[in-house]
Every structure is written in C-alpha cells, then in structure tokens.
N, C-alpha and C. Protein backbone atom coordinates (compact mmCIF):
# COMPACT_ATOMS: atom_id res chain seq x y z
N UNK A 1 30.14 -19.39 12.08
CA UNK A 1 28.92 -18.64 11.83
C UNK A 1 27.83 -19.17 12.76
N UNK A 2 27.10 -18.28 13.38
CA UNK A 2 26.06 -18.70 14.31
C UNK A 2 24.68 -18.45 13.72
N UNK A 3 23.72 -19.19 14.21
CA UNK A 3 22.34 -19.06 13.76
C UNK A 3 21.64 -18.00 14.59
N UNK A 4 20.92 -17.11 13.93
CA UNK A 4 20.18 -16.07 14.63
C UNK A 4 18.85 -16.63 15.10
N UNK A 5 18.57 -16.55 16.38
CA UNK A 5 17.30 -16.99 16.94
C UNK A 5 16.56 -15.77 17.48
N UNK A 6 15.39 -15.53 16.95
CA UNK A 6 14.60 -14.38 17.39
C UNK A 6 13.98 -14.64 18.76
N UNK A 7 13.72 -13.57 19.48
CA UNK A 7 12.94 -13.62 20.70
C UNK A 7 11.67 -12.83 20.47
N UNK A 8 10.61 -13.18 21.18
CA UNK A 8 9.34 -12.52 20.91
C UNK A 8 9.37 -11.03 21.25
N UNK A 9 10.28 -10.62 22.13
CA UNK A 9 10.37 -9.21 22.49
C UNK A 9 11.05 -8.39 21.39
N UNK A 10 11.87 -9.01 20.54
CA UNK A 10 12.63 -8.28 19.54
C UNK A 10 11.98 -8.29 18.16
N UNK A 11 10.82 -8.93 18.01
CA UNK A 11 10.17 -9.02 16.71
C UNK A 11 9.52 -7.68 16.38
N UNK A 12 9.85 -7.13 15.20
CA UNK A 12 9.22 -5.91 14.71
C UNK A 12 8.29 -6.30 13.57
N UNK A 13 7.02 -5.95 13.70
CA UNK A 13 6.03 -6.36 12.71
C UNK A 13 5.75 -5.25 11.71
N UNK A 14 5.65 -5.63 10.45
CA UNK A 14 5.26 -4.73 9.38
C UNK A 14 3.86 -5.13 8.90
N UNK A 15 3.25 -4.27 8.13
CA UNK A 15 1.93 -4.54 7.56
C UNK A 15 2.09 -4.74 6.06
N UNK A 16 1.41 -5.76 5.54
CA UNK A 16 1.41 -6.06 4.12
C UNK A 16 -0.02 -6.08 3.61
N UNK A 17 -0.22 -5.66 2.37
CA UNK A 17 -1.55 -5.69 1.76
C UNK A 17 -1.50 -6.55 0.50
N UNK A 18 -2.48 -7.44 0.37
CA UNK A 18 -2.58 -8.33 -0.78
C UNK A 18 -3.87 -8.01 -1.51
N UNK A 19 -3.78 -7.71 -2.80
CA UNK A 19 -4.96 -7.45 -3.62
C UNK A 19 -5.38 -8.77 -4.26
N UNK A 20 -6.56 -9.27 -3.89
CA UNK A 20 -7.01 -10.58 -4.33
C UNK A 20 -7.86 -10.54 -5.60
N UNK A 21 -8.01 -9.38 -6.21
CA UNK A 21 -8.88 -9.26 -7.39
C UNK A 21 -8.31 -10.08 -8.55
N UNK A 22 -9.10 -11.05 -9.03
CA UNK A 22 -8.70 -11.87 -10.16
C UNK A 22 -7.72 -12.98 -9.83
N UNK A 23 -7.29 -13.11 -8.59
CA UNK A 23 -6.35 -14.17 -8.19
C UNK A 23 -7.12 -15.37 -7.66
N UNK A 24 -6.52 -16.55 -7.73
CA UNK A 24 -7.18 -17.74 -7.21
C UNK A 24 -7.11 -17.74 -5.68
N UNK A 25 -8.09 -18.37 -5.07
CA UNK A 25 -8.19 -18.39 -3.61
C UNK A 25 -6.97 -19.03 -2.96
N UNK A 26 -6.48 -20.11 -3.53
CA UNK A 26 -5.34 -20.82 -2.96
C UNK A 26 -4.06 -20.01 -2.98
N UNK A 27 -3.81 -19.29 -4.07
CA UNK A 27 -2.58 -18.50 -4.17
C UNK A 27 -2.61 -17.33 -3.19
N UNK A 28 -3.77 -16.72 -3.02
CA UNK A 28 -3.89 -15.63 -2.05
C UNK A 28 -3.69 -16.16 -0.64
N UNK A 29 -4.28 -17.33 -0.34
CA UNK A 29 -4.16 -17.92 1.00
C UNK A 29 -2.72 -18.33 1.31
N UNK A 30 -2.02 -18.87 0.33
CA UNK A 30 -0.62 -19.27 0.55
C UNK A 30 0.25 -18.06 0.84
N UNK A 31 0.06 -16.99 0.07
CA UNK A 31 0.86 -15.78 0.29
C UNK A 31 0.57 -15.19 1.67
N UNK A 32 -0.70 -15.15 2.05
CA UNK A 32 -1.05 -14.60 3.36
C UNK A 32 -0.53 -15.47 4.50
N UNK A 33 -0.65 -16.79 4.38
CA UNK A 33 -0.19 -17.69 5.44
C UNK A 33 1.33 -17.64 5.59
N UNK A 34 2.05 -17.51 4.50
CA UNK A 34 3.51 -17.43 4.56
C UNK A 34 3.96 -16.18 5.32
N UNK A 35 3.31 -15.06 5.03
CA UNK A 35 3.67 -13.82 5.71
C UNK A 35 3.23 -13.86 7.17
N UNK A 36 2.04 -14.40 7.45
CA UNK A 36 1.56 -14.49 8.84
C UNK A 36 2.46 -15.38 9.69
N UNK A 37 3.00 -16.45 9.10
CA UNK A 37 3.91 -17.34 9.83
C UNK A 37 5.29 -16.73 10.02
N UNK A 38 5.67 -15.83 9.12
CA UNK A 38 7.01 -15.25 9.18
C UNK A 38 8.02 -16.03 8.38
N UNK A 39 7.57 -16.95 7.54
CA UNK A 39 8.50 -17.79 6.79
C UNK A 39 9.17 -17.03 5.64
N UNK A 40 8.75 -15.84 5.35
CA UNK A 40 9.39 -15.03 4.32
C UNK A 40 10.63 -14.32 4.86
N UNK A 41 10.82 -14.33 6.17
CA UNK A 41 11.94 -13.64 6.79
C UNK A 41 13.17 -14.54 6.85
N UNK A 42 14.36 -13.98 6.64
CA UNK A 42 15.57 -14.80 6.73
C UNK A 42 15.86 -15.28 8.15
N UNK A 43 15.38 -14.57 9.16
CA UNK A 43 15.61 -14.96 10.56
C UNK A 43 14.42 -15.70 11.15
N UNK A 44 13.68 -16.44 10.32
CA UNK A 44 12.51 -17.21 10.79
C UNK A 44 12.92 -18.19 11.88
N UNK A 45 12.15 -18.19 12.97
CA UNK A 45 12.39 -19.09 14.09
C UNK A 45 11.09 -19.84 14.35
N UNK A 46 11.08 -21.18 14.27
CA UNK A 46 9.83 -21.93 14.34
C UNK A 46 9.08 -21.81 15.66
N UNK A 47 9.79 -21.66 16.77
CA UNK A 47 9.12 -21.65 18.06
C UNK A 47 8.75 -20.25 18.55
N UNK A 48 8.97 -19.23 17.70
CA UNK A 48 8.64 -17.85 18.05
C UNK A 48 7.65 -17.32 17.02
N UNK A 49 6.67 -16.58 17.49
CA UNK A 49 5.70 -15.97 16.59
C UNK A 49 6.34 -14.73 15.97
N UNK A 50 6.97 -14.91 14.81
CA UNK A 50 7.71 -13.83 14.17
C UNK A 50 7.05 -13.37 12.88
N UNK A 51 5.76 -13.62 12.75
CA UNK A 51 5.04 -13.24 11.54
C UNK A 51 4.66 -11.78 11.51
N UNK A 52 4.14 -11.37 10.39
CA UNK A 52 3.75 -9.98 10.16
C UNK A 52 2.23 -9.88 10.14
N UNK A 53 1.72 -8.68 9.87
CA UNK A 53 0.29 -8.44 9.77
C UNK A 53 -0.08 -8.37 8.28
N UNK A 54 -1.25 -8.92 7.93
CA UNK A 54 -1.65 -9.02 6.53
C UNK A 54 -3.06 -8.46 6.36
N UNK A 55 -3.24 -7.65 5.31
CA UNK A 55 -4.54 -7.14 4.92
C UNK A 55 -4.84 -7.71 3.54
N UNK A 56 -6.00 -8.35 3.38
CA UNK A 56 -6.43 -8.86 2.08
C UNK A 56 -7.62 -8.02 1.63
N UNK A 57 -7.47 -7.35 0.48
CA UNK A 57 -8.57 -6.54 -0.06
C UNK A 57 -9.13 -7.21 -1.30
N UNK A 58 -10.31 -6.81 -1.69
CA UNK A 58 -11.03 -7.35 -2.85
C UNK A 58 -11.27 -8.84 -2.72
N UNK A 59 -11.64 -9.30 -1.53
CA UNK A 59 -11.92 -10.72 -1.33
C UNK A 59 -13.16 -11.16 -2.11
N UNK A 60 -14.04 -10.24 -2.42
CA UNK A 60 -15.23 -10.58 -3.21
C UNK A 60 -14.91 -10.88 -4.66
N UNK A 61 -13.73 -10.50 -5.14
CA UNK A 61 -13.34 -10.74 -6.53
C UNK A 61 -12.37 -11.89 -6.68
N UNK A 62 -12.19 -12.70 -5.62
CA UNK A 62 -11.29 -13.84 -5.69
C UNK A 62 -11.93 -14.92 -6.56
N UNK A 63 -11.11 -15.73 -7.22
CA UNK A 63 -11.59 -16.71 -8.20
C UNK A 63 -11.39 -18.12 -7.66
N UNK A 64 -12.40 -18.97 -7.86
CA UNK A 64 -12.26 -20.41 -7.60
C UNK A 64 -12.31 -21.10 -8.95
N UNK A 65 -11.31 -21.94 -9.24
CA UNK A 65 -11.21 -22.57 -10.55
C UNK A 65 -12.02 -23.85 -10.61
N UNK A 66 -12.28 -24.30 -11.81
CA UNK A 66 -13.00 -25.55 -12.02
C UNK A 66 -14.44 -25.48 -11.54
N UNK A 67 -14.91 -26.57 -10.95
CA UNK A 67 -16.29 -26.66 -10.46
C UNK A 67 -16.37 -26.45 -8.95
N UNK A 68 -15.34 -25.78 -8.38
CA UNK A 68 -15.30 -25.64 -6.93
C UNK A 68 -16.45 -24.81 -6.38
N UNK A 69 -16.98 -23.87 -7.15
CA UNK A 69 -18.10 -23.07 -6.64
C UNK A 69 -19.31 -23.93 -6.32
N UNK A 70 -19.52 -24.99 -7.09
CA UNK A 70 -20.68 -25.86 -6.86
C UNK A 70 -20.35 -27.11 -6.07
N UNK A 71 -19.11 -27.59 -6.13
CA UNK A 71 -18.77 -28.86 -5.48
C UNK A 71 -18.13 -28.69 -4.10
N UNK A 72 -17.46 -27.59 -3.86
CA UNK A 72 -16.79 -27.39 -2.57
C UNK A 72 -17.83 -26.91 -1.55
N UNK A 73 -17.83 -27.55 -0.39
CA UNK A 73 -18.82 -27.27 0.65
C UNK A 73 -18.11 -27.02 1.97
N UNK A 74 -18.57 -25.99 2.68
CA UNK A 74 -18.05 -25.70 4.03
C UNK A 74 -19.04 -26.27 5.05
N UNK A 75 -18.54 -27.16 5.91
CA UNK A 75 -19.36 -27.77 6.95
C UNK A 75 -19.01 -27.17 8.30
N UNK A 76 -20.03 -26.97 9.14
CA UNK A 76 -19.78 -26.64 10.53
C UNK A 76 -20.95 -27.18 11.36
N UNK A 77 -20.66 -27.41 12.63
CA UNK A 77 -21.67 -28.00 13.53
C UNK A 77 -22.01 -26.99 14.61
N UNK A 78 -23.29 -26.87 14.91
CA UNK A 78 -23.75 -25.89 15.89
C UNK A 78 -23.51 -26.34 17.32
N UNK A 79 -23.30 -27.62 17.52
CA UNK A 79 -23.13 -28.15 18.87
C UNK A 79 -24.38 -28.85 19.38
N UNK A 80 -25.48 -28.70 18.66
CA UNK A 80 -26.73 -29.35 19.04
C UNK A 80 -26.93 -30.62 18.22
N UNK A 81 -27.81 -31.49 18.69
CA UNK A 81 -28.10 -32.73 17.97
C UNK A 81 -28.69 -32.39 16.61
N UNK A 82 -28.12 -32.98 15.57
CA UNK A 82 -28.59 -32.71 14.21
C UNK A 82 -28.21 -31.33 13.72
N UNK A 83 -27.21 -30.73 14.30
CA UNK A 83 -26.86 -29.36 13.98
C UNK A 83 -25.79 -29.19 12.93
N UNK A 84 -25.61 -30.18 12.05
CA UNK A 84 -24.62 -30.06 10.98
C UNK A 84 -25.14 -29.11 9.90
N UNK A 85 -24.36 -28.09 9.59
CA UNK A 85 -24.73 -27.11 8.57
C UNK A 85 -23.76 -27.22 7.41
N UNK A 86 -24.27 -27.09 6.20
CA UNK A 86 -23.46 -27.17 4.99
C UNK A 86 -23.78 -25.98 4.10
N UNK A 87 -22.73 -25.32 3.61
CA UNK A 87 -22.90 -24.16 2.75
C UNK A 87 -22.00 -24.35 1.53
N UNK A 88 -22.58 -24.25 0.32
CA UNK A 88 -21.77 -24.32 -0.89
C UNK A 88 -21.00 -23.03 -1.05
N UNK A 89 -19.86 -23.13 -1.69
CA UNK A 89 -19.01 -21.96 -1.85
C UNK A 89 -19.62 -20.92 -2.77
N UNK A 90 -20.57 -21.29 -3.62
CA UNK A 90 -21.24 -20.29 -4.46
C UNK A 90 -22.02 -19.31 -3.59
N UNK A 91 -22.76 -19.84 -2.60
CA UNK A 91 -23.51 -18.96 -1.72
C UNK A 91 -22.58 -18.27 -0.72
N UNK A 92 -21.51 -18.95 -0.30
CA UNK A 92 -20.56 -18.35 0.63
C UNK A 92 -19.85 -17.16 -0.02
N UNK A 93 -19.47 -17.31 -1.28
CA UNK A 93 -18.79 -16.22 -1.98
C UNK A 93 -19.76 -15.07 -2.27
N UNK A 94 -21.04 -15.37 -2.43
CA UNK A 94 -22.02 -14.32 -2.69
C UNK A 94 -22.38 -13.55 -1.42
N UNK A 95 -22.40 -14.24 -0.27
CA UNK A 95 -22.83 -13.59 0.96
C UNK A 95 -21.66 -13.12 1.82
N UNK A 96 -20.67 -13.99 2.06
CA UNK A 96 -19.54 -13.66 2.94
C UNK A 96 -18.21 -14.06 2.30
N UNK A 97 -17.72 -13.31 1.32
CA UNK A 97 -16.45 -13.70 0.69
C UNK A 97 -15.26 -13.60 1.64
N UNK A 98 -15.36 -12.74 2.68
CA UNK A 98 -14.27 -12.63 3.65
C UNK A 98 -14.07 -13.94 4.39
N UNK A 99 -15.18 -14.63 4.68
CA UNK A 99 -15.11 -15.89 5.41
C UNK A 99 -14.41 -16.97 4.59
N UNK A 100 -14.63 -16.98 3.28
CA UNK A 100 -13.98 -17.97 2.42
C UNK A 100 -12.46 -17.80 2.44
N UNK A 101 -11.99 -16.56 2.40
CA UNK A 101 -10.55 -16.31 2.44
C UNK A 101 -10.00 -16.66 3.82
N UNK A 102 -10.73 -16.29 4.88
CA UNK A 102 -10.27 -16.59 6.24
C UNK A 102 -10.17 -18.10 6.47
N UNK A 103 -11.14 -18.87 5.96
CA UNK A 103 -11.10 -20.33 6.13
C UNK A 103 -9.90 -20.93 5.40
N UNK A 104 -9.61 -20.42 4.20
CA UNK A 104 -8.47 -20.94 3.44
C UNK A 104 -7.15 -20.64 4.14
N UNK A 105 -7.01 -19.43 4.68
CA UNK A 105 -5.77 -19.06 5.36
C UNK A 105 -5.63 -19.81 6.68
N UNK A 106 -6.73 -19.93 7.43
CA UNK A 106 -6.68 -20.60 8.73
C UNK A 106 -6.28 -22.07 8.58
N UNK A 107 -6.69 -22.70 7.49
CA UNK A 107 -6.31 -24.09 7.25
C UNK A 107 -4.84 -24.27 6.96
N UNK A 108 -4.16 -23.19 6.56
CA UNK A 108 -2.73 -23.27 6.24
C UNK A 108 -1.83 -22.85 7.39
N UNK A 109 -2.41 -22.38 8.48
CA UNK A 109 -1.62 -21.97 9.65
C UNK A 109 -1.46 -23.14 10.60
N UNK A 110 -0.43 -23.12 11.45
CA UNK A 110 -0.25 -24.21 12.41
C UNK A 110 -1.39 -24.26 13.42
N UNK A 111 -1.70 -25.47 13.87
CA UNK A 111 -2.80 -25.67 14.81
C UNK A 111 -2.28 -25.61 16.24
N UNK A 112 -1.83 -24.44 16.67
CA UNK A 112 -1.34 -24.23 18.03
C UNK A 112 -1.52 -22.76 18.38
N UNK A 113 -0.97 -22.31 19.50
CA UNK A 113 -1.17 -20.92 19.91
C UNK A 113 -0.48 -19.94 18.97
N UNK A 114 0.62 -20.34 18.35
CA UNK A 114 1.28 -19.45 17.39
C UNK A 114 0.37 -19.23 16.19
N UNK A 115 -0.30 -20.28 15.72
CA UNK A 115 -1.24 -20.15 14.61
C UNK A 115 -2.45 -19.31 14.98
N UNK A 116 -2.93 -19.44 16.21
CA UNK A 116 -4.06 -18.64 16.67
C UNK A 116 -3.70 -17.16 16.72
N UNK A 117 -2.52 -16.86 17.25
CA UNK A 117 -2.07 -15.47 17.30
C UNK A 117 -1.82 -14.91 15.90
N UNK A 118 -1.30 -15.73 15.00
CA UNK A 118 -1.06 -15.29 13.63
C UNK A 118 -2.37 -14.98 12.93
N UNK A 119 -3.39 -15.81 13.15
CA UNK A 119 -4.68 -15.60 12.51
C UNK A 119 -5.33 -14.30 12.99
N UNK A 120 -5.03 -13.89 14.20
CA UNK A 120 -5.57 -12.64 14.72
C UNK A 120 -5.01 -11.41 14.03
N UNK A 121 -3.89 -11.55 13.34
CA UNK A 121 -3.28 -10.43 12.62
C UNK A 121 -3.73 -10.37 11.17
N UNK A 122 -4.72 -11.16 10.78
CA UNK A 122 -5.25 -11.15 9.41
C UNK A 122 -6.50 -10.30 9.36
N UNK A 123 -6.54 -9.36 8.43
CA UNK A 123 -7.71 -8.52 8.19
C UNK A 123 -8.15 -8.73 6.75
N UNK A 124 -9.42 -9.08 6.55
CA UNK A 124 -9.93 -9.37 5.20
C UNK A 124 -11.10 -8.44 4.92
N UNK A 125 -11.09 -7.83 3.74
CA UNK A 125 -12.14 -6.91 3.33
C UNK A 125 -12.66 -7.33 1.95
N UNK A 126 -13.99 -7.26 1.76
CA UNK A 126 -14.59 -7.65 0.49
C UNK A 126 -14.32 -6.62 -0.60
N UNK A 127 -14.22 -5.35 -0.23
CA UNK A 127 -13.98 -4.29 -1.20
C UNK A 127 -12.53 -3.86 -1.24
N UNK A 128 -12.30 -2.74 -1.94
CA UNK A 128 -10.94 -2.25 -2.12
C UNK A 128 -10.50 -1.33 -0.99
N UNK A 129 -11.42 -0.91 -0.12
CA UNK A 129 -11.08 -0.01 0.97
C UNK A 129 -10.73 -0.81 2.23
N UNK A 130 -9.74 -0.32 2.99
CA UNK A 130 -9.40 -0.94 4.27
C UNK A 130 -9.14 0.16 5.29
N UNK A 131 -9.17 -0.20 6.56
CA UNK A 131 -9.08 0.78 7.65
C UNK A 131 -7.67 0.91 8.20
N UNK A 132 -6.69 0.24 7.63
CA UNK A 132 -5.33 0.26 8.16
C UNK A 132 -4.39 1.12 7.33
N UNK A 133 -4.88 2.22 6.80
CA UNK A 133 -4.02 3.09 5.99
C UNK A 133 -2.95 3.76 6.84
N UNK A 134 -3.21 3.97 8.13
CA UNK A 134 -2.24 4.63 9.00
C UNK A 134 -1.01 3.77 9.24
N UNK A 135 -1.12 2.45 9.07
CA UNK A 135 0.02 1.56 9.27
C UNK A 135 0.95 1.51 8.06
N UNK A 136 0.58 2.18 6.97
CA UNK A 136 1.36 2.22 5.73
C UNK A 136 1.74 0.82 5.25
N UNK A 137 0.76 0.00 4.85
CA UNK A 137 1.06 -1.38 4.44
C UNK A 137 1.86 -1.42 3.13
N UNK A 138 2.69 -2.45 3.04
CA UNK A 138 3.53 -2.69 1.87
C UNK A 138 2.75 -3.60 0.92
N UNK A 139 2.57 -3.23 -0.36
CA UNK A 139 1.85 -4.11 -1.28
C UNK A 139 2.67 -5.35 -1.63
N UNK A 140 1.96 -6.50 -1.76
CA UNK A 140 2.59 -7.77 -2.11
C UNK A 140 2.17 -8.14 -3.52
N UNK A 141 3.12 -8.49 -4.36
CA UNK A 141 2.83 -8.92 -5.73
C UNK A 141 2.73 -10.43 -5.77
N UNK A 142 1.67 -10.93 -6.39
CA UNK A 142 1.49 -12.39 -6.54
C UNK A 142 1.83 -12.82 -7.94
C-alpha cells in the first residue's frame, strides 16, 4: 500500500461555513483552523497547502467564558517609540468581533507561507449574511 501525496496543482478546494452564534471562541477557531490547514482530509500532506476555504458567520455572537472579556487583552505595537496599544476583549468584541475571531484562528495556523496562504482563505462576518453564497458552502456542525 502506498501513501498518497498531494500536489498543489491537484488540490480541489471546497467552501465551508461555520455558524459561531452561541459557540465559544476557541471551539470556533479550532474548527476553522483545522479546515484551513486541510487536516480534516484523509490525504493531508504537511508540505502542501491542501486546506479549504472557511466562512465564519455570526462572529458578534461568539462567547468568551469566564472572566476573559475583562482579563484577556490584545496587544499590538505601532512601530513608533511608546506605541504599545492594548485593547480589552470586551471593547474588541463590541467594536470589531471579526478581528477577535481572526486573531484566534491566526494563532492556530502555522507560522510560514502555508499558514499565510491559509489565513487568506478565511472570511469572517459579524452578522448572519455573507457574500459567498455563489460558492455553495457546506455547513459545519460543532
């Protein structure tokens, strides 16, 4: 029996949609990262970008458990002296819930060009409407 190794030219990508309403942020991010990496496929090949495309809807209704809304902080630096910025997840979820989901998924992807390309196939929407209806996405159950 031989092992099947995919080539980047032979990868066929499907679209999946994840409804994040009422689900925890970590569970949604794990499901999205697994599909983006292609680890759900039986012919997964680590050195080939064989992942699929993922749409996350209802990102504004995602849940953070415990005291994470007040204790979890997103830091970023502007590049200037004294340019460290800190945002609590309570304000992040109120203003940009898509960014919170994107940060969680990006942290679970590999830190190389395959991870960068995989992250480009992620679409996150705060509401229930998305613009990829023509791709006929397959719903994912969590």
